[in-house]
PDB file of all heavy atoms in Angstrom:
ATOM      1  N   THR A   1       0.847  -1.198   0.000  1.00  0.00           N
ATOM      2  CA  THR A   1       0.000   0.000   0.000  1.00  0.00           C
ATOM      3  C   THR A   1       0.878   1.242   0.000  1.00  0.00           C
ATOM      4  O   THR A   1       1.828   1.338   0.775  1.00  0.00           O
ATOM      5  CB  THR A   1      -0.926   0.019   1.234  1.00  0.00           C
ATOM      6  OG1 THR A   1      -1.787  -1.123   1.191  1.00  0.00           O
ATOM      7  CG2 THR A   1      -1.781   1.279   1.250  1.00  0.00           C
ATOM      8  N   MET A   2       0.549   2.201  -0.893  1.00  0.00           N
ATOM      9  CA  MET A   2       1.251   3.482  -0.962  1.00  0.00           C
ATOM     10  C   MET A   2       0.454   4.529  -0.178  1.00  0.00           C
ATOM     11  O   MET A   2      -0.645   4.887  -0.570  1.00  0.00           O
ATOM     12  CB  MET A   2       1.381   3.961  -2.414  1.00  0.00           C
ATOM     13  CG  MET A   2       1.959   2.937  -3.339  1.00  0.00           C
ATOM     14  SD  MET A   2       3.635   2.577  -2.894  1.00  0.00           S
ATOM     15  CE  MET A   2       3.877   1.095  -3.812  1.00  0.00           C
ATOM     16  N   VAL A   3       1.020   5.016   0.902  1.00  0.00           N
ATOM     17  CA  VAL A   3       0.291   5.959   1.738  1.00  0.00           C
ATOM     18  C   VAL A   3       0.080   7.287   1.026  1.00  0.00           C
ATOM     19  O   VAL A   3      -0.973   7.903   1.129  1.00  0.00           O
ATOM     20  CB  VAL A   3       1.046   6.179   3.068  1.00  0.00           C
ATOM     21  CG1 VAL A   3       0.366   7.252   3.903  1.00  0.00           C
ATOM     22  CG2 VAL A   3       1.101   4.875   3.853  1.00  0.00           C
ATOM     23  N   LYS A   4       1.084   7.742   0.270  1.00  0.00           N
ATOM     24  CA  LYS A   4       1.035   9.085  -0.304  1.00  0.00           C
ATOM     25  C   LYS A   4       0.283   9.173  -1.622  1.00  0.00           C
ATOM     26  O   LYS A   4       0.032  10.257  -2.108  1.00  0.00           O
ATOM     27  CB  LYS A   4       2.459   9.612  -0.513  1.00  0.00           C
ATOM     28  CG  LYS A   4       3.179   9.959   0.768  1.00  0.00           C
ATOM     29  CD  LYS A   4       4.470  10.705   0.504  1.00  0.00           C
ATOM     30  CE  LYS A   4       5.596   9.796   0.142  1.00  0.00           C
ATOM     31  NZ  LYS A   4       6.910  10.465   0.141  1.00  0.00           N
ATOM     32  N   SER A   5      -0.061   8.050  -2.247  1.00  0.00           N
ATOM     33  CA  SER A   5      -0.730   8.035  -3.544  1.00  0.00           C
ATOM     34  C   SER A   5       0.084   8.761  -4.611  1.00  0.00           C
ATOM     35  O   SER A   5      -0.467   9.334  -5.539  1.00  0.00           O
ATOM     36  CB  SER A   5      -2.133   8.658  -3.442  1.00  0.00           C
ATOM     37  OG  SER A   5      -2.959   7.874  -2.638  1.00  0.00           O
ATOM     38  N   ASP A   6       1.386   8.757  -4.449  1.00  0.00           N
ATOM     39  CA  ASP A   6       2.296   9.350  -5.425  1.00  0.00           C
ATOM     40  C   ASP A   6       2.785   8.232  -6.334  1.00  0.00           C
ATOM     41  O   ASP A   6       3.365   7.255  -5.858  1.00  0.00           O
ATOM     42  CB  ASP A   6       3.475  10.003  -4.699  1.00  0.00           C
ATOM     43  CG  ASP A   6       4.420  10.724  -5.642  1.00  0.00           C
ATOM     44  OD1 ASP A   6       4.342  10.489  -6.867  1.00  0.00           O
ATOM     45  OD2 ASP A   6       5.241  11.523  -5.158  1.00  0.00           O
ATOM     46  N   PRO A   7       2.576   8.343  -7.667  1.00  0.00           N
ATOM     47  CA  PRO A   7       3.024   7.267  -8.564  1.00  0.00           C
ATOM     48  C   PRO A   7       4.502   6.937  -8.433  1.00  0.00           C
ATOM     49  O   PRO A   7       4.922   5.819  -8.709  1.00  0.00           O
ATOM     50  CB  PRO A   7       2.700   7.822  -9.961  1.00  0.00           C
ATOM     51  CG  PRO A   7       1.594   8.791  -9.738  1.00  0.00           C
ATOM     52  CD  PRO A   7       1.864   9.404  -8.390  1.00  0.00           C
ATOM     53  N   ARG A   8       5.314   7.908  -8.005  1.00  0.00           N
ATOM     54  CA  ARG A   8       6.748   7.644  -7.867  1.00  0.00           C
ATOM     55  C   ARG A   8       7.034   6.613  -6.777  1.00  0.00           C
ATOM     56  O   ARG A   8       8.117   6.031  -6.732  1.00  0.00           O
ATOM     57  CB  ARG A   8       7.492   8.945  -7.551  1.00  0.00           C
ATOM     58  CG  ARG A   8       7.598   9.892  -8.735  1.00  0.00           C
ATOM     59  CD  ARG A   8       8.210  11.203  -8.346  1.00  0.00           C
ATOM     60  NE  ARG A   8       7.398  11.914  -7.369  1.00  0.00           N
ATOM     61  CZ  ARG A   8       7.633  13.158  -6.976  1.00  0.00           C
ATOM     62  NH1 ARG A   8       8.663  13.822  -7.471  1.00  0.00           N
ATOM     63  NH2 ARG A   8       6.849  13.747  -6.087  1.00  0.00           N
ATOM     64  N   GLN A   9       6.062   6.387  -5.891  1.00  0.00           N
ATOM     65  CA  GLN A   9       6.259   5.374  -4.857  1.00  0.00           C
ATOM     66  C   GLN A   9       6.180   3.957  -5.415  1.00  0.00           C
ATOM     67  O   GLN A   9       6.664   3.021  -4.777  1.00  0.00           O
ATOM     68  CB  GLN A   9       5.218   5.529  -3.749  1.00  0.00           C
ATOM     69  CG  GLN A   9       5.494   6.677  -2.791  1.00  0.00           C
ATOM     70  CD  GLN A   9       4.628   6.576  -1.554  1.00  0.00           C
ATOM     71  OE1 GLN A   9       3.420   6.398  -1.646  1.00  0.00           O
ATOM     72  NE2 GLN A   9       5.240   6.684  -0.394  1.00  0.00           N
ATOM     73  N   ILE A  10       5.589   3.794  -6.596  1.00  0.00           N
ATOM     74  CA  ILE A  10       5.467   2.452  -7.181  1.00  0.00           C
ATOM     75  C   ILE A  10       6.851   1.876  -7.483  1.00  0.00           C
ATOM     76  O   ILE A  10       7.197   0.799  -6.982  1.00  0.00           O
ATOM     77  CB  ILE A  10       4.578   2.482  -8.442  1.00  0.00           C
ATOM     78  CG1 ILE A  10       3.176   3.007  -8.099  1.00  0.00           C
ATOM     79  CG2 ILE A  10       4.501   1.090  -9.064  1.00  0.00           C
ATOM     80  CD1 ILE A  10       2.329   3.330  -9.311  1.00  0.00           C
ATOM     81  N   PRO A  11       7.679   2.556  -8.300  1.00  0.00           N
ATOM     82  CA  PRO A  11       9.034   2.006  -8.507  1.00  0.00           C
ATOM     83  C   PRO A  11       9.870   2.004  -7.230  1.00  0.00           C
ATOM     84  O   PRO A  11      10.721   1.134  -7.041  1.00  0.00           O
ATOM     85  CB  PRO A  11       9.637   2.941  -9.569  1.00  0.00           C
ATOM     86  CG  PRO A  11       8.844   4.194  -9.489  1.00  0.00           C
ATOM     87  CD  PRO A  11       7.469   3.773  -9.097  1.00  0.00           C
ATOM     88  N   GLN A  12       9.598   2.980  -6.342  1.00  0.00           N
ATOM     89  CA  GLN A  12      10.345   3.019  -5.085  1.00  0.00           C
ATOM     90  C   GLN A  12      10.057   1.773  -4.245  1.00  0.00           C
ATOM     91  O   GLN A  12      10.977   1.178  -3.665  1.00  0.00           O
ATOM     92  CB  GLN A  12       9.963   4.283  -4.303  1.00  0.00           C
ATOM     93  CG  GLN A  12      10.842   4.549  -3.089  1.00  0.00           C
ATOM     94  CD  GLN A  12      10.447   5.834  -2.391  1.00  0.00           C
ATOM     95  OE1 GLN A  12       9.289   6.036  -2.070  1.00  0.00           O
ATOM     96  NE2 GLN A  12      11.413   6.708  -2.171  1.00  0.00           N
ATOM     97  N   ALA A  13       8.793   1.355  -4.204  1.00  0.00           N
ATOM     98  CA  ALA A  13       8.426   0.160  -3.447  1.00  0.00           C
ATOM     99  C   ALA A  13       9.060  -1.085  -4.048  1.00  0.00           C
ATOM    100  O   ALA A  13       9.529  -1.974  -3.326  1.00  0.00           O
ATOM    101  CB  ALA A  13       6.905   0.007  -3.413  1.00  0.00           C
ATOM    102  N   ILE A  14       9.076  -1.165  -5.366  1.00  0.00           N
ATOM    103  CA  ILE A  14       9.680  -2.324  -6.023  1.00  0.00           C
ATOM    104  C   ILE A  14      11.179  -2.355  -5.773  1.00  0.00           C
ATOM    105  O   ILE A  14      11.757  -3.413  -5.499  1.00  0.00           O
ATOM    106  CB  ILE A  14       9.367  -2.297  -7.534  1.00  0.00           C
ATOM    107  CG1 ILE A  14       7.861  -2.514  -7.748  1.00  0.00           C
ATOM    108  CG2 ILE A  14      10.176  -3.351  -8.282  1.00  0.00           C
ATOM    109  CD1 ILE A  14       7.408  -2.371  -9.178  1.00  0.00           C
ATOM    110  N   ARG A  15      11.826  -1.185  -5.823  1.00  0.00           N
ATOM    111  CA  ARG A  15      13.265  -1.132  -5.550  1.00  0.00           C
ATOM    112  C   ARG A  15      13.571  -1.531  -4.110  1.00  0.00           C
ATOM    113  O   ARG A  15      14.515  -2.278  -3.848  1.00  0.00           O
ATOM    114  CB  ARG A  15      13.815   0.271  -5.842  1.00  0.00           C
ATOM    115  CG  ARG A  15      13.944   0.582  -7.318  1.00  0.00           C
ATOM    116  CD  ARG A  15      14.803   1.801  -7.579  1.00  0.00           C
ATOM    117  NE  ARG A  15      14.239   3.006  -6.988  1.00  0.00           N
ATOM    118  CZ  ARG A  15      14.772   3.639  -5.953  1.00  0.00           C
ATOM    119  NH1 ARG A  15      15.868   3.182  -5.376  1.00  0.00           N
ATOM    120  NH2 ARG A  15      14.203   4.732  -5.468  1.00  0.00           N
ATOM    121  N   LEU A  16      12.760  -1.031  -3.163  1.00  0.00           N
ATOM    122  CA  LEU A  16      12.976  -1.377  -1.758  1.00  0.00           C
ATOM    123  C   LEU A  16      12.792  -2.873  -1.535  1.00  0.00           C
ATOM    124  O   LEU A  16      13.585  -3.514  -0.832  1.00  0.00           O
ATOM    125  CB  LEU A  16      12.013  -0.582  -0.864  1.00  0.00           C
ATOM    126  CG  LEU A  16      12.052  -0.925   0.638  1.00  0.00           C
ATOM    127  CD1 LEU A  16      13.439  -0.645   1.221  1.00  0.00           C
ATOM    128  CD2 LEU A  16      10.982  -0.136   1.403  1.00  0.00           C
ATOM    129  N   SER A  17      11.747  -3.440  -2.127  1.00  0.00           N
ATOM    130  CA  SER A  17      11.492  -4.866  -1.956  1.00  0.00           C
ATOM    131  C   SER A  17      12.618  -5.695  -2.559  1.00  0.00           C
ATOM    132  O   SER A  17      13.090  -6.662  -1.962  1.00  0.00           O
ATOM    133  CB  SER A  17      10.156  -5.236  -2.612  1.00  0.00           C
ATOM    134  OG  SER A  17       9.086  -4.553  -1.995  1.00  0.00           O
ATOM    135  N   ARG A  18      13.051  -5.309  -3.746  1.00  0.00           N
ATOM    136  CA  ARG A  18      14.142  -6.050  -4.393  1.00  0.00           C
ATOM    137  C   ARG A  18      15.435  -5.909  -3.595  1.00  0.00           C
ATOM    138  O   ARG A  18      16.200  -6.866  -3.462  1.00  0.00           O
ATOM    139  CB  ARG A  18      14.336  -5.542  -5.819  1.00  0.00           C
ATOM    140  CG  ARG A  18      13.252  -5.981  -6.786  1.00  0.00           C
ATOM    141  CD  ARG A  18      13.548  -5.498  -8.190  1.00  0.00           C
ATOM    142  NE  ARG A  18      12.602  -6.022  -9.163  1.00  0.00           N
ATOM    143  CZ  ARG A  18      12.654  -5.760 -10.463  1.00  0.00           C
ATOM    144  NH1 ARG A  18      13.610  -4.986 -10.943  1.00  0.00           N
ATOM    145  NH2 ARG A  18      11.758  -6.279 -11.291  1.00  0.00           N
ATOM    146  N   ARG A  19      15.689  -4.700  -3.098  1.00  0.00           N
ATOM    147  CA  ARG A  19      16.897  -4.483  -2.308  1.00  0.00           C
ATOM    148  C   ARG A  19      16.866  -5.348  -1.044  1.00  0.00           C
ATOM    149  O   ARG A  19      17.873  -5.929  -0.645  1.00  0.00           O
ATOM    150  CB  ARG A  19      16.998  -3.001  -1.933  1.00  0.00           C
ATOM    151  CG  ARG A  19      18.233  -2.620  -1.132  1.00  0.00           C
ATOM    152  CD  ARG A  19      19.414  -2.351  -2.020  1.00  0.00           C
ATOM    153  NE  ARG A  19      19.143  -1.297  -2.973  1.00  0.00           N
ATOM    154  CZ  ARG A  19      19.265   0.022  -2.723  1.00  0.00           C
ATOM    155  NH1 ARG A  19      19.638   0.410  -1.514  1.00  0.00           N
ATOM    156  NH2 ARG A  19      19.031   0.911  -3.655  1.00  0.00           N
ATOM    157  N   THR A  20      15.690  -5.420  -0.417  1.00  0.00           N
ATOM    158  CA  THR A  20      15.561  -6.233   0.804  1.00  0.00           C
ATOM    159  C   THR A  20      15.798  -7.704   0.510  1.00  0.00           C
ATOM    160  O   THR A  20      16.534  -8.387   1.233  1.00  0.00           O
ATOM    161  CB  THR A  20      14.161  -6.048   1.425  1.00  0.00           C
ATOM    162  OG1 THR A  20      13.936  -4.663   1.675  1.00  0.00           O
ATOM    163  CG2 THR A  20      14.035  -6.824   2.721  1.00  0.00           C
ATOM    164  N   LEU A  21      15.169  -8.211  -0.552  1.00  0.00           N
ATOM    165  CA  LEU A  21      15.332  -9.617  -0.900  1.00  0.00           C
ATOM    166  C   LEU A  21      16.785  -9.919  -1.245  1.00  0.00           C
ATOM    167  O   LEU A  21      17.340 -10.944  -0.838  1.00  0.00           O
ATOM    168  CB  LEU A  21      14.422  -9.971  -2.076  1.00  0.00           C
ATOM    169  CG  LEU A  21      14.379 -11.447  -2.458  1.00  0.00           C
ATOM    170  CD1 LEU A  21      13.847 -12.282  -1.307  1.00  0.00           C
ATOM    171  CD2 LEU A  21      13.523 -11.652  -3.701  1.00  0.00           C
ATOM    172  N   GLY A  22      17.419  -9.009  -1.989  1.00  0.00           N
ATOM    173  CA  GLY A  22      18.825  -9.205  -2.324  1.00  0.00           C
ATOM    174  C   GLY A  22      19.702  -9.215  -1.089  1.00  0.00           C
ATOM    175  O   GLY A  22      20.661 -10.000  -0.988  1.00  0.00           O
ATOM    176  N   LEU A  23      19.362  -8.365  -0.132  1.00  0.00           N
ATOM    177  CA  LEU A  23      20.154  -8.300   1.093  1.00  0.00           C
ATOM    178  C   LEU A  23      19.967  -9.574   1.928  1.00  0.00           C
ATOM    179  O   LEU A  23      20.925 -10.086   2.513  1.00  0.00           O
ATOM    180  CB  LEU A  23      19.744  -7.068   1.893  1.00  0.00           C
ATOM    181  CG  LEU A  23      20.685  -6.652   3.023  1.00  0.00           C
ATOM    182  CD1 LEU A  23      20.765  -5.127   3.076  1.00  0.00           C
ATOM    183  CD2 LEU A  23      20.174  -7.172   4.340  1.00  0.00           C
ATOM    184  N   ILE A  24      18.735 -10.097   1.971  1.00  0.00           N
ATOM    185  CA  ILE A  24      18.487 -11.354   2.685  1.00  0.00           C
ATOM    186  C   ILE A  24      19.309 -12.478   2.064  1.00  0.00           C
ATOM    187  O   ILE A  24      19.953 -13.270   2.766  1.00  0.00           O
ATOM    188  CB  ILE A  24      16.987 -11.715   2.650  1.00  0.00           C
ATOM    189  CG1 ILE A  24      16.188 -10.751   3.536  1.00  0.00           C
ATOM    190  CG2 ILE A  24      16.757 -13.153   3.113  1.00  0.00           C
ATOM    191  CD1 ILE A  24      14.689 -10.931   3.425  1.00  0.00           C
ATOM    192  N   LYS A  25      19.313 -12.525   0.745  1.00  0.00           N
ATOM    193  CA  LYS A  25      20.096 -13.559   0.065  1.00  0.00           C
ATOM    194  C   LYS A  25      21.580 -13.392   0.362  1.00  0.00           C
ATOM    195  O   LYS A  25      22.297 -14.381   0.562  1.00  0.00           O
ATOM    196  CB  LYS A  25      19.848 -13.491  -1.444  1.00  0.00           C
ATOM    197  CG  LYS A  25      18.469 -13.960  -1.853  1.00  0.00           C
ATOM    198  CD  LYS A  25      18.325 -13.918  -3.355  1.00  0.00           C
ATOM    199  CE  LYS A  25      17.005 -14.493  -3.798  1.00  0.00           C
ATOM    200  NZ  LYS A  25      16.861 -14.442  -5.273  1.00  0.00           N
ATOM    201  N   GLY A  26      22.041 -12.131   0.365  1.00  0.00           N
ATOM    202  CA  GLY A  26      23.444 -11.882   0.692  1.00  0.00           C
ATOM    203  C   GLY A  26      23.778 -12.321   2.105  1.00  0.00           C
ATOM    204  O   GLY A  26      24.832 -12.917   2.345  1.00  0.00           O
ATOM    205  N   ASN A  27      22.877 -12.047   3.032  1.00  0.00           N
ATOM    206  CA  ASN A  27      23.093 -12.479   4.421  1.00  0.00           C
ATOM    207  C   ASN A  27      23.191 -13.999   4.525  1.00  0.00           C
ATOM    208  O   ASN A  27      24.069 -14.551   5.198  1.00  0.00           O
ATOM    209  CB  ASN A  27      21.950 -11.981   5.306  1.00  0.00           C
ATOM    210  CG  ASN A  27      22.048 -10.499   5.626  1.00  0.00           C
ATOM    211  OD1 ASN A  27      23.080  -9.877   5.383  1.00  0.00           O
ATOM    212  ND2 ASN A  27      20.982  -9.940   6.156  1.00  0.00           N
ATOM    213  N   LEU A  28      22.253 -14.685   3.858  1.00  0.00           N
ATOM    214  CA  LEU A  28      22.245 -16.144   3.922  1.00  0.00           C
ATOM    215  C   LEU A  28      23.477 -16.740   3.235  1.00  0.00           C
ATOM    216  O   LEU A  28      24.058 -17.718   3.705  1.00  0.00           O
ATOM    217  CB  LEU A  28      20.960 -16.686   3.282  1.00  0.00           C
ATOM    218  CG  LEU A  28      19.670 -16.378   4.049  1.00  0.00           C
ATOM    219  CD1 LEU A  28      18.452 -16.776   3.235  1.00  0.00           C
ATOM    220  CD2 LEU A  28      19.651 -17.083   5.398  1.00  0.00           C
ATOM    221  N   PHE A  29      23.868 -16.129   2.123  1.00  0.00           N
ATOM    222  CA  PHE A  29      25.073 -16.617   1.442  1.00  0.00           C
ATOM    223  C   PHE A  29      26.286 -16.473   2.347  1.00  0.00           C
ATOM    224  O   PHE A  29      27.113 -17.378   2.444  1.00  0.00           O
ATOM    225  CB  PHE A  29      25.291 -15.841   0.142  1.00  0.00           C
ATOM    226  CG  PHE A  29      26.625 -16.133  -0.492  1.00  0.00           C
ATOM    227  CD1 PHE A  29      26.810 -17.287  -1.233  1.00  0.00           C
ATOM    228  CD2 PHE A  29      27.695 -15.261  -0.329  1.00  0.00           C
ATOM    229  CE1 PHE A  29      28.047 -17.572  -1.808  1.00  0.00           C
ATOM    230  CE2 PHE A  29      28.926 -15.540  -0.892  1.00  0.00           C
ATOM    231  CZ  PHE A  29      29.104 -16.699  -1.638  1.00  0.00           C
ATOM    232  N   TRP A  30      26.377 -15.296   3.010  1.00  0.00           N
ATOM    233  CA  TRP A  30      27.515 -15.078   3.902  1.00  0.00           C
ATOM    234  C   TRP A  30      27.540 -16.137   5.001  1.00  0.00           C
ATOM    235  O   TRP A  30      28.574 -16.724   5.304  1.00  0.00           O
ATOM    236  CB  TRP A  30      27.432 -13.685   4.507  1.00  0.00           C
ATOM    237  CG  TRP A  30      28.351 -13.497   5.685  1.00  0.00           C
ATOM    238  CD1 TRP A  30      28.032 -13.569   6.997  1.00  0.00           C
ATOM    239  CD2 TRP A  30      29.758 -13.245   5.639  1.00  0.00           C
ATOM    240  NE1 TRP A  30      29.122 -13.368   7.786  1.00  0.00           N
ATOM    241  CE2 TRP A  30      30.215 -13.161   6.975  1.00  0.00           C
ATOM    242  CE3 TRP A  30      30.684 -13.075   4.607  1.00  0.00           C
ATOM    243  CZ2 TRP A  30      31.537 -12.921   7.304  1.00  0.00           C
ATOM    244  CZ3 TRP A  30      32.004 -12.826   4.941  1.00  0.00           C
ATOM    245  CH2 TRP A  30      32.422 -12.756   6.267  1.00  0.00           C
ATOM    246  N   ALA A  31      26.375 -16.400   5.592  1.00  0.00           N
ATOM    247  CA  ALA A  31      26.312 -17.365   6.695  1.00  0.00           C
ATOM    248  C   ALA A  31      26.710 -18.769   6.229  1.00  0.00           C
ATOM    249  O   ALA A  31      27.520 -19.448   6.857  1.00  0.00           O
ATOM    250  CB  ALA A  31      24.907 -17.378   7.285  1.00  0.00           C
ATOM    251  N   PHE A  32      26.125 -19.202   5.093  1.00  0.00           N
ATOM    252  CA  PHE A  32      26.436 -20.539   4.598  1.00  0.00           C
ATOM    253  C   PHE A  32      27.883 -20.638   4.121  1.00  0.00           C
ATOM    254  O   PHE A  32      28.577 -21.616   4.397  1.00  0.00           O
ATOM    255  CB  PHE A  32      25.491 -20.913   3.452  1.00  0.00           C
ATOM    256  CG  PHE A  32      24.148 -21.386   3.922  1.00  0.00           C
ATOM    257  CD1 PHE A  32      22.988 -20.755   3.495  1.00  0.00           C
ATOM    258  CD2 PHE A  32      24.024 -22.451   4.801  1.00  0.00           C
ATOM    259  CE1 PHE A  32      21.746 -21.182   3.930  1.00  0.00           C
ATOM    260  CE2 PHE A  32      22.786 -22.886   5.232  1.00  0.00           C
ATOM    261  CZ  PHE A  32      21.639 -22.242   4.797  1.00  0.00           C
ATOM    262  N   ALA A  33      28.330 -19.629   3.368  1.00  0.00           N
ATOM    263  CA  ALA A  33      29.694 -19.669   2.835  1.00  0.00           C
ATOM    264  C   ALA A  33      30.713 -19.671   3.968  1.00  0.00           C
ATOM    265  O   ALA A  33      31.724 -20.382   3.922  1.00  0.00           O
ATOM    266  CB  ALA A  33      29.927 -18.482   1.902  1.00  0.00           C
ATOM    267  N   TYR A  34      30.423 -18.883   4.987  1.00  0.00           N
ATOM    268  CA  TYR A  34      31.328 -18.796   6.141  1.00  0.00           C
ATOM    269  C   TYR A  34      31.465 -20.152   6.812  1.00  0.00           C
ATOM    270  O   TYR A  34      32.568 -20.645   7.067  1.00  0.00           O
ATOM    271  CB  TYR A  34      30.770 -17.748   7.107  1.00  0.00           C
ATOM    272  CG  TYR A  34      31.317 -17.827   8.511  1.00  0.00           C
ATOM    273  CD1 TYR A  34      32.541 -17.243   8.829  1.00  0.00           C
ATOM    274  CD2 TYR A  34      30.608 -18.470   9.517  1.00  0.00           C
ATOM    275  CE1 TYR A  34      33.044 -17.316  10.118  1.00  0.00           C
ATOM    276  CE2 TYR A  34      31.097 -18.548  10.803  1.00  0.00           C
ATOM    277  CZ  TYR A  34      32.317 -17.965  11.101  1.00  0.00           C
ATOM    278  OH  TYR A  34      32.814 -18.038  12.367  1.00  0.00           O
ATOM    279  N   ASN A  35      30.319 -20.801   7.073  1.00  0.00           N
ATOM    280  CA  ASN A  35      30.359 -22.108   7.738  1.00  0.00           C
ATOM    281  C   ASN A  35      31.006 -23.165   6.853  1.00  0.00           C
ATOM    282  O   ASN A  35      31.813 -23.977   7.314  1.00  0.00           O
ATOM    283  CB  ASN A  35      28.939 -22.554   8.115  1.00  0.00           C
ATOM    284  CG  ASN A  35      28.350 -21.723   9.249  1.00  0.00           C
ATOM    285  OD1 ASN A  35      27.264 -21.188   9.123  1.00  0.00           O
ATOM    286  ND2 ASN A  35      29.068 -21.596  10.346  1.00  0.00           N
ATOM    287  N   THR A  36      30.638 -23.155   5.575  1.00  0.00           N
ATOM    288  CA  THR A  36      31.164 -24.158   4.651  1.00  0.00           C
ATOM    289  C   THR A  36      32.687 -24.068   4.537  1.00  0.00           C
ATOM    290  O   THR A  36      33.389 -25.081   4.505  1.00  0.00           O
ATOM    291  CB  THR A  36      30.524 -23.987   3.261  1.00  0.00           C
ATOM    292  OG1 THR A  36      29.102 -24.068   3.391  1.00  0.00           O
ATOM    293  CG2 THR A  36      31.005 -25.067   2.307  1.00  0.00           C
ATOM    294  N   ALA A  37      33.187 -22.842   4.476  1.00  0.00           N
ATOM    295  CA  ALA A  37      34.629 -22.656   4.320  1.00  0.00           C
ATOM    296  C   ALA A  37      35.379 -22.896   5.625  1.00  0.00           C
ATOM    297  O   ALA A  37      36.505 -23.414   5.621  1.00  0.00           O
ATOM    298  CB  ALA A  37      34.918 -21.244   3.804  1.00  0.00           C
ATOM    299  N   ALA A  38      34.762 -22.527   6.747  1.00  0.00           N
ATOM    300  CA  ALA A  38      35.483 -22.558   8.019  1.00  0.00           C
ATOM    301  C   ALA A  38      35.552 -23.947   8.643  1.00  0.00           C
ATOM    302  O   ALA A  38      36.535 -24.280   9.307  1.00  0.00           O
ATOM    303  CB  ALA A  38      34.830 -21.585   8.996  1.00  0.00           C
ATOM    304  N   ILE A  39      34.529 -24.777   8.429  1.00  0.00           N
ATOM    305  CA  ILE A  39      34.509 -26.094   9.081  1.00  0.00           C
ATOM    306  C   ILE A  39      35.698 -26.966   8.666  1.00  0.00           C
ATOM    307  O   ILE A  39      36.367 -27.553   9.528  1.00  0.00           O
ATOM    308  CB  ILE A  39      33.159 -26.806   8.819  1.00  0.00           C
ATOM    309  CG1 ILE A  39      32.039 -26.113   9.605  1.00  0.00           C
ATOM    310  CG2 ILE A  39      33.231 -28.278   9.222  1.00  0.00           C
ATOM    311  CD1 ILE A  39      30.655 -26.669   9.346  1.00  0.00           C
ATOM    312  N   PRO A  40      36.007 -27.084   7.372  1.00  0.00           N
ATOM    313  CA  PRO A  40      37.186 -27.895   7.009  1.00  0.00           C
ATOM    314  C   PRO A  40      38.485 -27.345   7.593  1.00  0.00           C
ATOM    315  O   PRO A  40      39.352 -28.126   8.024  1.00  0.00           O
ATOM    316  CB  PRO A  40      37.197 -27.827   5.475  1.00  0.00           C
ATOM    317  CG  PRO A  40      35.801 -27.500   5.094  1.00  0.00           C
ATOM    318  CD  PRO A  40      35.290 -26.622   6.178  1.00  0.00           C
ATOM    319  N   ILE A  41      38.637 -26.019   7.608  1.00  0.00           N
ATOM    320  CA  ILE A  41      39.844 -25.419   8.179  1.00  0.00           C
ATOM    321  C   ILE A  41      39.969 -25.793   9.655  1.00  0.00           C
ATOM    322  O   ILE A  41      41.050 -26.150  10.139  1.00  0.00           O
ATOM    323  CB  ILE A  41      39.809 -23.884   8.003  1.00  0.00           C
ATOM    324  CG1 ILE A  41      39.815 -23.521   6.520  1.00  0.00           C
ATOM    325  CG2 ILE A  41      40.979 -23.226   8.720  1.00  0.00           C
ATOM    326  CD1 ILE A  41      39.631 -22.040   6.253  1.00  0.00           C
ATOM    327  N   ALA A  42      38.824 -25.717  10.370  1.00  0.00           N
ATOM    328  CA  ALA A  42      38.836 -26.071  11.791  1.00  0.00           C
ATOM    329  C   ALA A  42      39.123 -27.556  11.993  1.00  0.00           C
ATOM    330  O   ALA A  42      39.863 -27.948  12.899  1.00  0.00           O
ATOM    331  CB  ALA A  42      37.493 -25.698  12.423  1.00  0.00           C
ATOM    332  N   ALA A  43      38.534 -28.407  11.128  1.00  0.00           N
ATOM    333  CA  ALA A  43      38.713 -29.854  11.276  1.00  0.00           C
ATOM    334  C   ALA A  43      40.167 -30.275  11.075  1.00  0.00           C
ATOM    335  O   ALA A  43      40.626 -31.255  11.676  1.00  0.00           O
ATOM    336  CB  ALA A  43      37.809 -30.587  10.292  1.00  0.00           C
ATOM    337  N   PHE A  44      40.890 -29.535  10.243  1.00  0.00           N
ATOM    338  CA  PHE A  44      42.300 -29.858  10.005  1.00  0.00           C
ATOM    339  C   PHE A  44      43.226 -29.231  11.055  1.00  0.00           C
ATOM    340  O   PHE A  44      44.440 -29.309  10.929  1.00  0.00           O
ATOM    341  CB  PHE A  44      42.721 -29.400   8.613  1.00  0.00           C
ATOM    342  CG  PHE A  44      42.285 -30.328   7.518  1.00  0.00           C
ATOM    343  CD1 PHE A  44      41.221 -29.996   6.695  1.00  0.00           C
ATOM    344  CD2 PHE A  44      42.919 -31.550   7.338  1.00  0.00           C
ATOM    345  CE1 PHE A  44      40.808 -30.855   5.691  1.00  0.00           C
ATOM    346  CE2 PHE A  44      42.505 -32.416   6.330  1.00  0.00           C
ATOM    347  CZ  PHE A  44      41.449 -32.079   5.504  1.00  0.00           C
ATOM    348  N   GLY A  45      42.625 -28.622  12.084  1.00  0.00           N
ATOM    349  CA  GLY A  45      43.426 -28.082  13.180  1.00  0.00           C
ATOM    350  C   GLY A  45      44.169 -26.809  12.841  1.00  0.00           C
ATOM    351  O   GLY A  45      45.161 -26.476  13.494  1.00  0.00           O
ATOM    352  N   LEU A  46      43.686 -26.084  11.817  1.00  0.00           N
ATOM    353  CA  LEU A  46      44.376 -24.873  11.372  1.00  0.00           C
ATOM    354  C   LEU A  46      43.782 -23.605  11.966  1.00  0.00           C
ATOM    355  O   LEU A  46      44.118 -22.508  11.530  1.00  0.00           O
ATOM    356  CB  LEU A  46      44.328 -24.792   9.834  1.00  0.00           C
ATOM    357  CG  LEU A  46      44.939 -25.987   9.092  1.00  0.00           C
ATOM    358  CD1 LEU A  46      44.749 -25.832   7.591  1.00  0.00           C
ATOM    359  CD2 LEU A  46      46.415 -26.123   9.436  1.00  0.00           C
TER     360      LEU A  46
END
């Protein structure tokens, strides 16, 4: 819902939503990549 009824909020809402989804994916990638890379290093005693 656009509170201001300004058409410029339409692309703004889509950009915000896309930015949020991209950031969530980036967060999850960081978490998974970090664990995936770090576990073998830890297992080898390094």
